[in-house]
Amino acid sequence: MPTRNPITPTILTLIGLLACPLVALAVPGEDPKELQGLDVQEHLNDPLPLDLTFTNDGGQSVRLGDYFESDKPVILSLNYSNCPMLCRLQLNGLVEALKEIQLTAGQDYQVVSISIDPLEPASRAQETKEKYLRMYDRAGSGDGWNFLVGRKDAIDTVAQATGFQYRYLSDRKEYVHPAVFMLCSPRGRISRYVYGVTFDPATLRLSLVEASEGKVGTTLDRFLLFCFQHDETTGRYGPMARNQMKVGGGITVALLLLGLIPYWLRTRKPKAARQAEESAHDLAGPFTHSTH
């Protein structure tokens, strides 16, 4: 049974107001008709359809699975280049957060953005890629950003696999959709959903380490993941009491061992050696006292 994020309806309503200014005229307390029926049904740990083919920003035919053939996690988003506002806000926020972490696109993870507009040409996707590469401005990251276009049936298959719902508004000639991207494991399974248009760099880094199954990041990152778990209500990682107790218990045991080892070593000495030490101490005793 797919898990539904408890804050999704609120987020989607705010997203709708951002993406479609006219919906502000809707009746308070009711979902605007443009948003009715739209949601994100989380499919955590479900596999992605890696055999689907798309066209990349260079005009070449690629498989979605081509981006899952290494040990790198993948940030997967569904956007489109001609989006009037929301996609730009979301991708801008993603780039700003990624610039704040040491992990580098192409070296430590991949970013794959699939256009939900089946009429978008590869040349337009290339323009979008170049824009965000300039914003990211980090050497060696060109192969880490990928913008794909494709047929409607392929787009819909990815949308269904990720639980991403969207709709085309013919009168406005634009798409309404949620602001969400997915962290995916190197094996092509969905690890985490991240909502909104601004992102906490520390949370994003830990999400990448988690999605990579420990294949990227430092030992400290993996330690933090052991002690912290993702809080769906806040979208950040918070303390995990059980694991913190395990760590605290381990430290206590280690300190006790450090204190007991010298005693244990003394008691393990051969009996003759202990008796010799005691005799030497007794003989030295009268000469070590002060006289007045």
C-alpha atoms as a PDB file:
ATOM      1  CA  MET A   1       0.000   0.000   0.000  1.00  0.00           C
ATOM      2  CA  PRO A   2       1.648   3.272  -1.061  1.00  0.00           C
ATOM      3  CA  THR A   3       2.388   5.738   1.710  1.00  0.00           C
ATOM      4  CA  ARG A   4       0.909   9.174   1.443  1.00  0.00           C
ATOM      5  CA  ASN A   5       2.847  12.072   2.834  1.00  0.00           C
ATOM      6  CA  PRO A   6       0.624  13.831   5.422  1.00  0.00           C
ATOM      7  CA  ILE A   7       1.661  17.313   4.313  1.00  0.00           C
ATOM      8  CA  THR A   8       1.132  16.713   0.585  1.00  0.00           C
ATOM      9  CA  PRO A   9      -2.395  18.239   0.265  1.00  0.00           C
ATOM     10  CA  THR A  10      -1.267  21.503   1.845  1.00  0.00           C
ATOM     11  CA  ILE A  11       1.821  21.628  -0.320  1.00  0.00           C
ATOM     12  CA  LEU A  12      -0.179  20.889  -3.443  1.00  0.00           C
ATOM     13  CA  THR A  13      -2.606  23.691  -2.674  1.00  0.00           C
ATOM     14  CA  LEU A  14       0.256  26.163  -2.248  1.00  0.00           C
ATOM     15  CA  ILE A  15       1.837  24.823  -5.424  1.00  0.00           C
ATOM     16  CA  GLY A  16      -1.392  25.347  -7.296  1.00  0.00           C
ATOM     17  CA  LEU A  17      -1.559  28.961  -6.167  1.00  0.00           C
ATOM     18  CA  LEU A  18       2.002  29.484  -7.380  1.00  0.00           C
ATOM     19  CA  ALA A  19       1.575  27.681 -10.662  1.00  0.00           C
ATOM     20  CA  CYS A  20      -1.901  28.950 -11.579  1.00  0.00           C
ATOM     21  CA  PRO A  21      -2.553  32.530 -10.417  1.00  0.00           C
ATOM     22  CA  LEU A  22      -6.214  32.368 -11.435  1.00  0.00           C
ATOM     23  CA  VAL A  23      -6.993  29.701  -8.865  1.00  0.00           C
ATOM     24  CA  ALA A  24      -6.698  32.322  -6.140  1.00  0.00           C
ATOM     25  CA  LEU A  25     -10.314  33.141  -7.021  1.00  0.00           C
ATOM     26  CA  ALA A  26     -11.445  29.720  -5.827  1.00  0.00           C
ATOM     27  CA  VAL A  27     -13.750  29.323  -2.812  1.00  0.00           C
ATOM     28  CA  PRO A  28     -11.749  29.281   0.459  1.00  0.00           C
ATOM     29  CA  GLY A  29     -11.475  25.795   1.948  1.00  0.00           C
ATOM     30  CA  GLU A  30     -12.047  24.045  -1.377  1.00  0.00           C
ATOM     31  CA  ASP A  31      -9.418  22.677  -3.730  1.00  0.00           C
ATOM     32  CA  PRO A  32      -9.328  24.672  -6.989  1.00  0.00           C
ATOM     33  CA  LYS A  33     -10.755  22.610  -9.855  1.00  0.00           C
ATOM     34  CA  GLU A  34      -7.347  22.688 -11.571  1.00  0.00           C
ATOM     35  CA  LEU A  35      -5.916  20.751  -8.598  1.00  0.00           C
ATOM     36  CA  GLN A  36      -8.781  18.347  -7.953  1.00  0.00           C
ATOM     37  CA  GLY A  37      -7.635  14.766  -8.348  1.00  0.00           C
ATOM     38  CA  LEU A  38      -3.937  15.682  -8.267  1.00  0.00           C
ATOM     39  CA  ASP A  39      -1.732  14.179  -5.596  1.00  0.00           C
ATOM     40  CA  VAL A  40       1.534  12.344  -5.059  1.00  0.00           C
ATOM     41  CA  GLN A  41       1.107   8.699  -4.128  1.00  0.00           C
ATOM     42  CA  GLU A  42       4.488   7.703  -2.726  1.00  0.00           C
ATOM     43  CA  HIS A  43       5.860   4.421  -4.064  1.00  0.00           C
ATOM     44  CA  LEU A  44       8.815   4.045  -1.732  1.00  0.00           C
ATOM     45  CA  ASN A  45      11.252   1.265  -2.667  1.00  0.00           C
ATOM     46  CA  ASP A  46       9.325   0.529  -5.870  1.00  0.00           C
ATOM     47  CA  PRO A  47      11.381  -0.064  -9.033  1.00  0.00           C
ATOM     48  CA  LEU A  48      11.471   2.450 -11.853  1.00  0.00           C
ATOM     49  CA  PRO A  49      10.740   1.385 -15.457  1.00  0.00           C
ATOM     50  CA  LEU A  50      14.400   1.426 -16.485  1.00  0.00           C
ATOM     51  CA  ASP A  51      13.795  -0.025 -19.975  1.00  0.00           C
ATOM     52  CA  LEU A  52      11.906   3.055 -21.186  1.00  0.00           C
ATOM     53  CA  THR A  53      13.593   5.041 -23.961  1.00  0.00           C
ATOM     54  CA  PHE A  54      13.853   8.829 -24.146  1.00  0.00           C
ATOM     55  CA  THR A  55      15.831  11.405 -26.083  1.00  0.00           C
ATOM     56  CA  ASN A  56      18.523  13.245 -24.148  1.00  0.00           C
ATOM     57  CA  ASP A  57      19.399  16.927 -24.401  1.00  0.00           C
ATOM     58  CA  GLY A  58      22.002  16.040 -27.039  1.00  0.00           C
ATOM     59  CA  GLY A  59      19.401  14.464 -29.326  1.00  0.00           C
ATOM     60  CA  GLN A  60      20.490  10.871 -28.647  1.00  0.00           C
ATOM     61  CA  SER A  61      18.204   7.960 -27.813  1.00  0.00           C
ATOM     62  CA  VAL A  62      18.832   6.703 -24.257  1.00  0.00           C
ATOM     63  CA  ARG A  63      17.337   4.267 -21.771  1.00  0.00           C
ATOM     64  CA  LEU A  64      16.304   5.508 -18.368  1.00  0.00           C
ATOM     65  CA  GLY A  65      18.403   2.651 -17.029  1.00  0.00           C
ATOM     66  CA  ASP A  66      21.529   4.202 -18.577  1.00  0.00           C
ATOM     67  CA  TYR A  67      21.626   6.547 -15.578  1.00  0.00           C
ATOM     68  CA  PHE A  68      21.506   3.683 -13.083  1.00  0.00           C
ATOM     69  CA  GLU A  69      24.550   1.699 -14.185  1.00  0.00           C
ATOM     70  CA  SER A  70      26.942   2.922 -11.485  1.00  0.00           C
ATOM     71  CA  ASP A  71      27.005   3.215  -7.708  1.00  0.00           C
ATOM     72  CA  LYS A  72      25.628   6.762  -7.835  1.00  0.00           C
ATOM     73  CA  PRO A  73      22.186   7.766  -6.525  1.00  0.00           C
ATOM     74  CA  VAL A  74      19.895   9.670  -8.889  1.00  0.00           C
ATOM     75  CA  ILE A  75      17.793  12.780  -8.281  1.00  0.00           C
ATOM     76  CA  LEU A  76      14.760  12.304 -10.542  1.00  0.00           C
ATOM     77  CA  SER A  77      12.331  15.125 -11.314  1.00  0.00           C
ATOM     78  CA  LEU A  78       9.447  15.619 -13.715  1.00  0.00           C
ATOM     79  CA  ASN A  79       9.353  19.163 -15.075  1.00  0.00           C
ATOM     80  CA  TYR A  80       9.163  20.918 -18.429  1.00  0.00           C
ATOM     81  CA  SER A  81      11.166  23.765 -19.891  1.00  0.00           C
ATOM     82  CA  ASN A  82       8.256  26.045 -20.785  1.00  0.00           C
ATOM     83  CA  CYS A  83       6.725  25.922 -17.308  1.00  0.00           C
ATOM     84  CA  PRO A  84       5.785  29.532 -16.473  1.00  0.00           C
ATOM     85  CA  MET A  85       6.891  29.450 -12.836  1.00  0.00           C
ATOM     86  CA  LEU A  86       6.874  26.312 -10.681  1.00  0.00           C
ATOM     87  CA  CYS A  87       9.528  24.226 -12.474  1.00  0.00           C
ATOM     88  CA  ARG A  88      11.896  27.179 -12.477  1.00  0.00           C
ATOM     89  CA  LEU A  89      11.371  27.752  -8.754  1.00  0.00           C
ATOM     90  CA  GLN A  90      11.885  24.085  -7.947  1.00  0.00           C
ATOM     91  CA  LEU A  91      15.018  23.588 -10.083  1.00  0.00           C
ATOM     92  CA  ASN A  92      16.501  26.897  -8.919  1.00  0.00           C
ATOM     93  CA  GLY A  93      16.005  25.808  -5.311  1.00  0.00           C
ATOM     94  CA  LEU A  94      17.542  22.416  -6.025  1.00  0.00           C
ATOM     95  CA  VAL A  95      20.627  23.969  -7.624  1.00  0.00           C
ATOM     96  CA  GLU A  96      21.110  26.408  -4.745  1.00  0.00           C
ATOM     97  CA  ALA A  97      20.977  23.553  -2.214  1.00  0.00           C
ATOM     98  CA  LEU A  98      23.327  21.338  -4.260  1.00  0.00           C
ATOM     99  CA  LYS A  99      25.852  24.167  -4.471  1.00  0.00           C
ATOM    100  CA  GLU A 100      26.068  24.139  -0.661  1.00  0.00           C
ATOM    101  CA  ILE A 101      27.123  20.489  -0.350  1.00  0.00           C
ATOM    102  CA  GLN A 102      30.477  18.953  -1.193  1.00  0.00           C
ATOM    103  CA  LEU A 103      29.071  16.058  -3.223  1.00  0.00           C
ATOM    104  CA  THR A 104      29.328  16.849  -6.941  1.00  0.00           C
ATOM    105  CA  ALA A 105      26.910  16.025  -9.769  1.00  0.00           C
ATOM    106  CA  GLY A 106      28.422  13.515 -12.163  1.00  0.00           C
ATOM    107  CA  GLN A 107      31.006  12.349  -9.651  1.00  0.00           C
ATOM    108  CA  ASP A 108      28.787  11.457  -6.676  1.00  0.00           C
ATOM    109  CA  TYR A 109      25.225  11.487  -8.055  1.00  0.00           C
ATOM    110  CA  GLN A 110      23.158  12.068 -11.207  1.00  0.00           C
ATOM    111  CA  VAL A 111      20.362  14.551 -11.829  1.00  0.00           C
ATOM    112  CA  VAL A 112      17.732  13.394 -14.351  1.00  0.00           C
ATOM    113  CA  SER A 113      14.842  15.677 -15.280  1.00  0.00           C
ATOM    114  CA  ILE A 114      12.164  14.218 -17.568  1.00  0.00           C
ATOM    115  CA  SER A 115       9.959  16.692 -19.403  1.00  0.00           C
ATOM    116  CA  ILE A 116       6.232  16.075 -18.942  1.00  0.00           C
ATOM    117  CA  ASP A 117       5.587  17.931 -22.228  1.00  0.00           C
ATOM    118  CA  PRO A 118       5.728  15.391 -25.086  1.00  0.00           C
ATOM    119  CA  LEU A 119       6.092  18.257 -27.585  1.00  0.00           C
ATOM    120  CA  GLU A 120       9.293  19.618 -26.003  1.00  0.00           C
ATOM    121  CA  PRO A 121      12.216  19.208 -28.430  1.00  0.00           C
ATOM    122  CA  ALA A 122      15.685  18.082 -27.402  1.00  0.00           C
ATOM    123  CA  SER A 123      17.086  21.480 -28.378  1.00  0.00           C
ATOM    124  CA  ARG A 124      14.875  23.168 -25.778  1.00  0.00           C
ATOM    125  CA  ALA A 125      15.978  20.637 -23.157  1.00  0.00           C
ATOM    126  CA  GLN A 126      19.592  21.436 -24.022  1.00  0.00           C
ATOM    127  CA  GLU A 127      18.987  25.146 -23.409  1.00  0.00           C
ATOM    128  CA  THR A 128      17.547  24.291 -19.985  1.00  0.00           C
ATOM    129  CA  LYS A 129      20.520  22.084 -19.182  1.00  0.00           C
ATOM    130  CA  GLU A 130      23.015  24.799 -20.118  1.00  0.00           C
ATOM    131  CA  LYS A 131      21.152  27.287 -17.927  1.00  0.00           C
ATOM    132  CA  TYR A 132      21.370  25.100 -14.832  1.00  0.00           C
ATOM    133  CA  LEU A 133      24.950  24.080 -15.486  1.00  0.00           C
ATOM    134  CA  ARG A 134      25.853  27.776 -15.486  1.00  0.00           C
ATOM    135  CA  MET A 135      23.992  28.235 -12.214  1.00  0.00           C
ATOM    136  CA  TYR A 136      25.637  25.178 -10.647  1.00  0.00           C
ATOM    137  CA  ASP A 137      29.052  26.345 -11.861  1.00  0.00           C
ATOM    138  CA  ARG A 138      31.108  23.385 -10.677  1.00  0.00           C
ATOM    139  CA  ALA A 139      33.892  21.851 -12.752  1.00  0.00           C
ATOM    140  CA  GLY A 140      33.414  18.306 -13.995  1.00  0.00           C
ATOM    141  CA  SER A 141      29.649  18.258 -13.495  1.00  0.00           C
ATOM    142  CA  GLY A 142      28.510  18.356 -17.137  1.00  0.00           C
ATOM    143  CA  ASP A 143      27.801  14.625 -17.293  1.00  0.00           C
ATOM    144  CA  GLY A 144      25.840  14.771 -14.053  1.00  0.00           C
ATOM    145  CA  TRP A 145      22.919  16.838 -15.363  1.00  0.00           C
ATOM    146  CA  ASN A 146      20.550  15.186 -17.828  1.00  0.00           C
ATOM    147  CA  PHE A 147      17.360  16.580 -19.339  1.00  0.00           C
ATOM    148  CA  LEU A 148      15.215  14.073 -21.249  1.00  0.00           C
ATOM    149  CA  VAL A 149      12.241  14.398 -23.579  1.00  0.00           C
ATOM    150  CA  GLY A 150      10.019  11.621 -24.852  1.00  0.00           C
ATOM    151  CA  ARG A 151       6.670  10.255 -25.957  1.00  0.00           C
ATOM    152  CA  LYS A 152       3.569  10.725 -23.821  1.00  0.00           C
ATOM    153  CA  ASP A 153       3.243   7.001 -23.096  1.00  0.00           C
ATOM    154  CA  ALA A 154       6.807   6.865 -21.728  1.00  0.00           C
ATOM    155  CA  ILE A 155       6.243  10.010 -19.642  1.00  0.00           C
ATOM    156  CA  ASP A 156       2.994   8.626 -18.244  1.00  0.00           C
ATOM    157  CA  THR A 157       4.662   5.320 -17.352  1.00  0.00           C
ATOM    158  CA  VAL A 158       7.311   7.127 -15.271  1.00  0.00           C
ATOM    159  CA  ALA A 159       4.605   9.318 -13.688  1.00  0.00           C
ATOM    160  CA  GLN A 160       2.583   6.256 -12.698  1.00  0.00           C
ATOM    161  CA  ALA A 161       5.649   4.442 -11.346  1.00  0.00           C
ATOM    162  CA  THR A 162       6.550   7.414  -9.133  1.00  0.00           C
ATOM    163  CA  GLY A 163       2.973   8.335  -8.161  1.00  0.00           C
ATOM    164  CA  PHE A 164       3.385  11.765  -9.782  1.00  0.00           C
ATOM    165  CA  GLN A 165       0.068  13.193 -11.025  1.00  0.00           C
ATOM    166  CA  TYR A 166      -0.199  16.060 -13.501  1.00  0.00           C
ATOM    167  CA  ARG A 167      -2.693  17.548 -15.910  1.00  0.00           C
ATOM    168  CA  TYR A 168      -2.604  19.680 -19.051  1.00  0.00           C
ATOM    169  CA  LEU A 169      -4.780  22.803 -18.979  1.00  0.00           C
ATOM    170  CA  SER A 170      -5.676  23.371 -22.623  1.00  0.00           C
ATOM    171  CA  ASP A 171      -7.196  26.810 -22.048  1.00  0.00           C
ATOM    172  CA  ARG A 172      -3.959  28.004 -20.435  1.00  0.00           C
ATOM    173  CA  LYS A 173      -1.638  25.841 -22.555  1.00  0.00           C
ATOM    174  CA  GLU A 174       0.315  24.714 -19.516  1.00  0.00           C
ATOM    175  CA  TYR A 175       0.611  21.813 -17.090  1.00  0.00           C
ATOM    176  CA  VAL A 176      -0.389  21.803 -13.445  1.00  0.00           C
ATOM    177  CA  HIS A 177       1.688  19.504 -11.289  1.00  0.00           C
ATOM    178  CA  PRO A 178       3.244  19.170  -7.818  1.00  0.00           C
ATOM    179  CA  ALA A 179       6.727  20.353  -6.863  1.00  0.00           C
ATOM    180  CA  VAL A 180       8.486  17.139  -5.876  1.00  0.00           C
ATOM    181  CA  PHE A 181      11.563  15.184  -6.822  1.00  0.00           C
ATOM    182  CA  MET A 182      12.588  11.654  -5.971  1.00  0.00           C
ATOM    183  CA  LEU A 183      15.862  10.328  -4.563  1.00  0.00           C
ATOM    184  CA  CYS A 184      16.544   6.983  -6.234  1.00  0.00           C
ATOM    185  CA  SER A 185      19.015   4.242  -5.413  1.00  0.00           C
ATOM    186  CA  PRO A 186      21.678   3.081  -7.884  1.00  0.00           C
ATOM    187  CA  ARG A 187      19.507  -0.010  -8.414  1.00  0.00           C
ATOM    188  CA  GLY A 188      16.638   2.137  -9.688  1.00  0.00           C
ATOM    189  CA  ARG A 189      14.356   2.096  -6.656  1.00  0.00           C
ATOM    190  CA  ILE A 190      12.683   5.133  -5.084  1.00  0.00           C
ATOM    191  CA  SER A 191      14.333   5.995  -1.771  1.00  0.00           C
ATOM    192  CA  ARG A 192      12.732   9.310  -0.768  1.00  0.00           C
ATOM    193  CA  TYR A 193      10.360  12.060  -1.931  1.00  0.00           C
ATOM    194  CA  VAL A 194      11.370  15.689  -1.378  1.00  0.00           C
ATOM    195  CA  TYR A 195       8.685  18.371  -1.680  1.00  0.00           C
ATOM    196  CA  GLY A 196       8.763  22.124  -2.182  1.00  0.00           C
ATOM    197  CA  VAL A 197      10.849  24.750  -3.941  1.00  0.00           C
ATOM    198  CA  THR A 198      13.519  25.397  -1.284  1.00  0.00           C
ATOM    199  CA  PHE A 199      15.632  22.677   0.257  1.00  0.00           C
ATOM    200  CA  ASP A 200      17.845  22.278   3.311  1.00  0.00           C
ATOM    201  CA  PRO A 201      21.397  21.370   2.101  1.00  0.00           C
ATOM    202  CA  ALA A 202      22.106  19.096   5.094  1.00  0.00           C
ATOM    203  CA  THR A 203      18.875  17.157   4.522  1.00  0.00           C
ATOM    204  CA  LEU A 204      19.617  16.870   0.813  1.00  0.00           C
ATOM    205  CA  ARG A 205      23.113  15.561   1.501  1.00  0.00           C
ATOM    206  CA  LEU A 206      21.878  12.914   3.954  1.00  0.00           C
ATOM    207  CA  SER A 207      19.118  11.933   1.495  1.00  0.00           C
ATOM    208  CA  LEU A 208      21.760  11.365  -1.196  1.00  0.00           C
ATOM    209  CA  VAL A 209      23.900   9.296   1.179  1.00  0.00           C
ATOM    210  CA  GLU A 210      20.845   7.274   2.188  1.00  0.00           C
ATOM    211  CA  ALA A 211      19.772   6.716  -1.447  1.00  0.00           C
ATOM    212  CA  SER A 212      23.294   5.647  -2.386  1.00  0.00           C
ATOM    213  CA  GLU A 213      23.096   2.853   0.202  1.00  0.00           C
ATOM    214  CA  GLY A 214      26.323   4.113   1.769  1.00  0.00           C
ATOM    215  CA  LYS A 215      28.282   4.249  -1.490  1.00  0.00           C
ATOM    216  CA  VAL A 216      28.797   8.033  -1.350  1.00  0.00           C
ATOM    217  CA  GLY A 217      29.467  10.350   1.573  1.00  0.00           C
ATOM    218  CA  THR A 218      31.810  10.138   4.531  1.00  0.00           C
ATOM    219  CA  THR A 219      31.928   7.870   7.561  1.00  0.00           C
ATOM    220  CA  LEU A 220      30.451  10.771   9.542  1.00  0.00           C
ATOM    221  CA  ASP A 221      27.491  10.934   7.125  1.00  0.00           C
ATOM    222  CA  ARG A 222      26.769   7.259   7.655  1.00  0.00           C
ATOM    223  CA  PHE A 223      27.084   7.696  11.434  1.00  0.00           C
ATOM    224  CA  LEU A 224      24.573  10.565  11.296  1.00  0.00           C
ATOM    225  CA  LEU A 225      22.158   8.417   9.310  1.00  0.00           C
ATOM    226  CA  PHE A 226      22.420   5.788  12.037  1.00  0.00           C
ATOM    227  CA  CYS A 227      21.505   8.326  14.718  1.00  0.00           C
ATOM    228  CA  PHE A 228      18.941  10.325  12.710  1.00  0.00           C
ATOM    229  CA  GLN A 229      15.873   9.362  10.736  1.00  0.00           C
ATOM    230  CA  HIS A 230      13.795  11.334   8.242  1.00  0.00           C
ATOM    231  CA  ASP A 231      10.792  13.130   9.744  1.00  0.00           C
ATOM    232  CA  GLU A 232       8.018  13.253   7.121  1.00  0.00           C
ATOM    233  CA  THR A 233       6.221  16.097   8.911  1.00  0.00           C
ATOM    234  CA  THR A 234       9.214  18.447   8.748  1.00  0.00           C
ATOM    235  CA  GLY A 235      11.010  17.063   5.696  1.00  0.00           C
ATOM    236  CA  ARG A 236      14.272  16.883   7.664  1.00  0.00           C
ATOM    237  CA  TYR A 237      16.305  14.361   9.604  1.00  0.00           C
ATOM    238  CA  GLY A 238      15.752  14.245  13.349  1.00  0.00           C
ATOM    239  CA  PRO A 239      17.194  12.257  16.286  1.00  0.00           C
ATOM    240  CA  MET A 240      16.329   8.582  16.440  1.00  0.00           C
ATOM    241  CA  ALA A 241      16.084   7.719  20.150  1.00  0.00           C
ATOM    242  CA  ARG A 242      16.695   3.997  19.836  1.00  0.00           C
ATOM    243  CA  ASN A 243      19.909   4.356  17.880  1.00  0.00           C
ATOM    244  CA  GLN A 244      21.112   7.178  20.108  1.00  0.00           C
ATOM    245  CA  MET A 245      20.618   4.875  23.103  1.00  0.00           C
ATOM    246  CA  LYS A 246      22.644   2.189  21.314  1.00  0.00           C
ATOM    247  CA  VAL A 247      25.464   4.652  20.676  1.00  0.00           C
ATOM    248  CA  GLY A 248      25.335   5.934  24.268  1.00  0.00           C
ATOM    249  CA  GLY A 249      25.355   2.387  25.597  1.00  0.00           C
ATOM    250  CA  GLY A 250      28.330   1.517  23.403  1.00  0.00           C
ATOM    251  CA  ILE A 251      30.287   4.518  24.675  1.00  0.00           C
ATOM    252  CA  THR A 252      29.473   3.593  28.295  1.00  0.00           C
ATOM    253  CA  VAL A 253      30.672   0.023  27.760  1.00  0.00           C
ATOM    254  CA  ALA A 254      33.869   1.282  26.112  1.00  0.00           C
ATOM    255  CA  LEU A 255      34.610   3.600  29.062  1.00  0.00           C
ATOM    256  CA  LEU A 256      33.994   0.797  31.545  1.00  0.00           C
ATOM    257  CA  LEU A 257      36.365  -1.470  29.645  1.00  0.00           C
ATOM    258  CA  LEU A 258      39.049   1.215  29.627  1.00  0.00           C
ATOM    259  CA  GLY A 259      38.765   1.486  33.409  1.00  0.00           C
ATOM    260  CA  LEU A 260      38.651  -2.269  34.043  1.00  0.00           C
ATOM    261  CA  ILE A 261      41.420  -3.385  31.691  1.00  0.00           C
ATOM    262  CA  PRO A 262      44.304  -2.271  33.992  1.00  0.00           C
ATOM    263  CA  TYR A 263      42.688  -4.084  36.949  1.00  0.00           C
ATOM    264  CA  TRP A 264      42.086  -7.163  34.826  1.00  0.00           C
ATOM    265  CA  LEU A 265      45.721  -7.172  33.651  1.00  0.00           C
ATOM    266  CA  ARG A 266      46.962  -6.934  37.243  1.00  0.00           C
ATOM    267  CA  THR A 267      44.820  -9.851  38.362  1.00  0.00           C
ATOM    268  CA  ARG A 268      46.033 -11.925  35.445  1.00  0.00           C
ATOM    269  CA  LYS A 269      49.692 -11.720  36.533  1.00  0.00           C
ATOM    270  CA  PRO A 270      51.266 -15.018  37.652  1.00  0.00           C
ATOM    271  CA  LYS A 271      50.982 -15.667  41.393  1.00  0.00           C
ATOM    272  CA  ALA A 272      54.798 -15.710  41.854  1.00  0.00           C
ATOM    273  CA  ALA A 273      55.118 -12.287  40.197  1.00  0.00           C
ATOM    274  CA  ARG A 274      52.422 -10.829  42.447  1.00  0.00           C
ATOM    275  CA  GLN A 275      54.068 -12.299  45.571  1.00  0.00           C
ATOM    276  CA  ALA A 276      57.457 -10.861  44.526  1.00  0.00           C
ATOM    277  CA  GLU A 277      55.907  -7.409  44.072  1.00  0.00           C
ATOM    278  CA  GLU A 278      54.180  -7.626  47.448  1.00  0.00           C
ATOM    279  CA  SER A 279      57.429  -8.738  49.190  1.00  0.00           C
ATOM    280  CA  ALA A 280      59.350  -5.881  47.585  1.00  0.00           C
ATOM    281  CA  HIS A 281      56.716  -3.443  48.757  1.00  0.00           C
ATOM    282  CA  ASP A 282      56.831  -4.796  52.328  1.00  0.00           C
ATOM    283  CA  LEU A 283      60.639  -4.535  52.457  1.00  0.00           C
ATOM    284  CA  ALA A 284      60.600  -0.980  51.130  1.00  0.00           C
ATOM    285  CA  GLY A 285      57.880   0.062  53.542  1.00  0.00           C
ATOM    286  CA  PRO A 286      59.991   0.999  56.653  1.00  0.00           C
ATOM    287  CA  PHE A 287      62.322   3.136  54.583  1.00  0.00           C
ATOM    288  CA  THR A 288      59.557   5.153  52.956  1.00  0.00           C
ATOM    289  CA  HIS A 289      58.059   6.587  56.183  1.00  0.00           C
ATOM    290  CA  SER A 290      59.160   9.966  57.409  1.00  0.00           C
ATOM    291  CA  THR A 291      60.609  10.258  60.958  1.00  0.00           C
ATOM    292  CA  HIS A 292      60.305  13.262  63.257  1.00  0.00           C
END
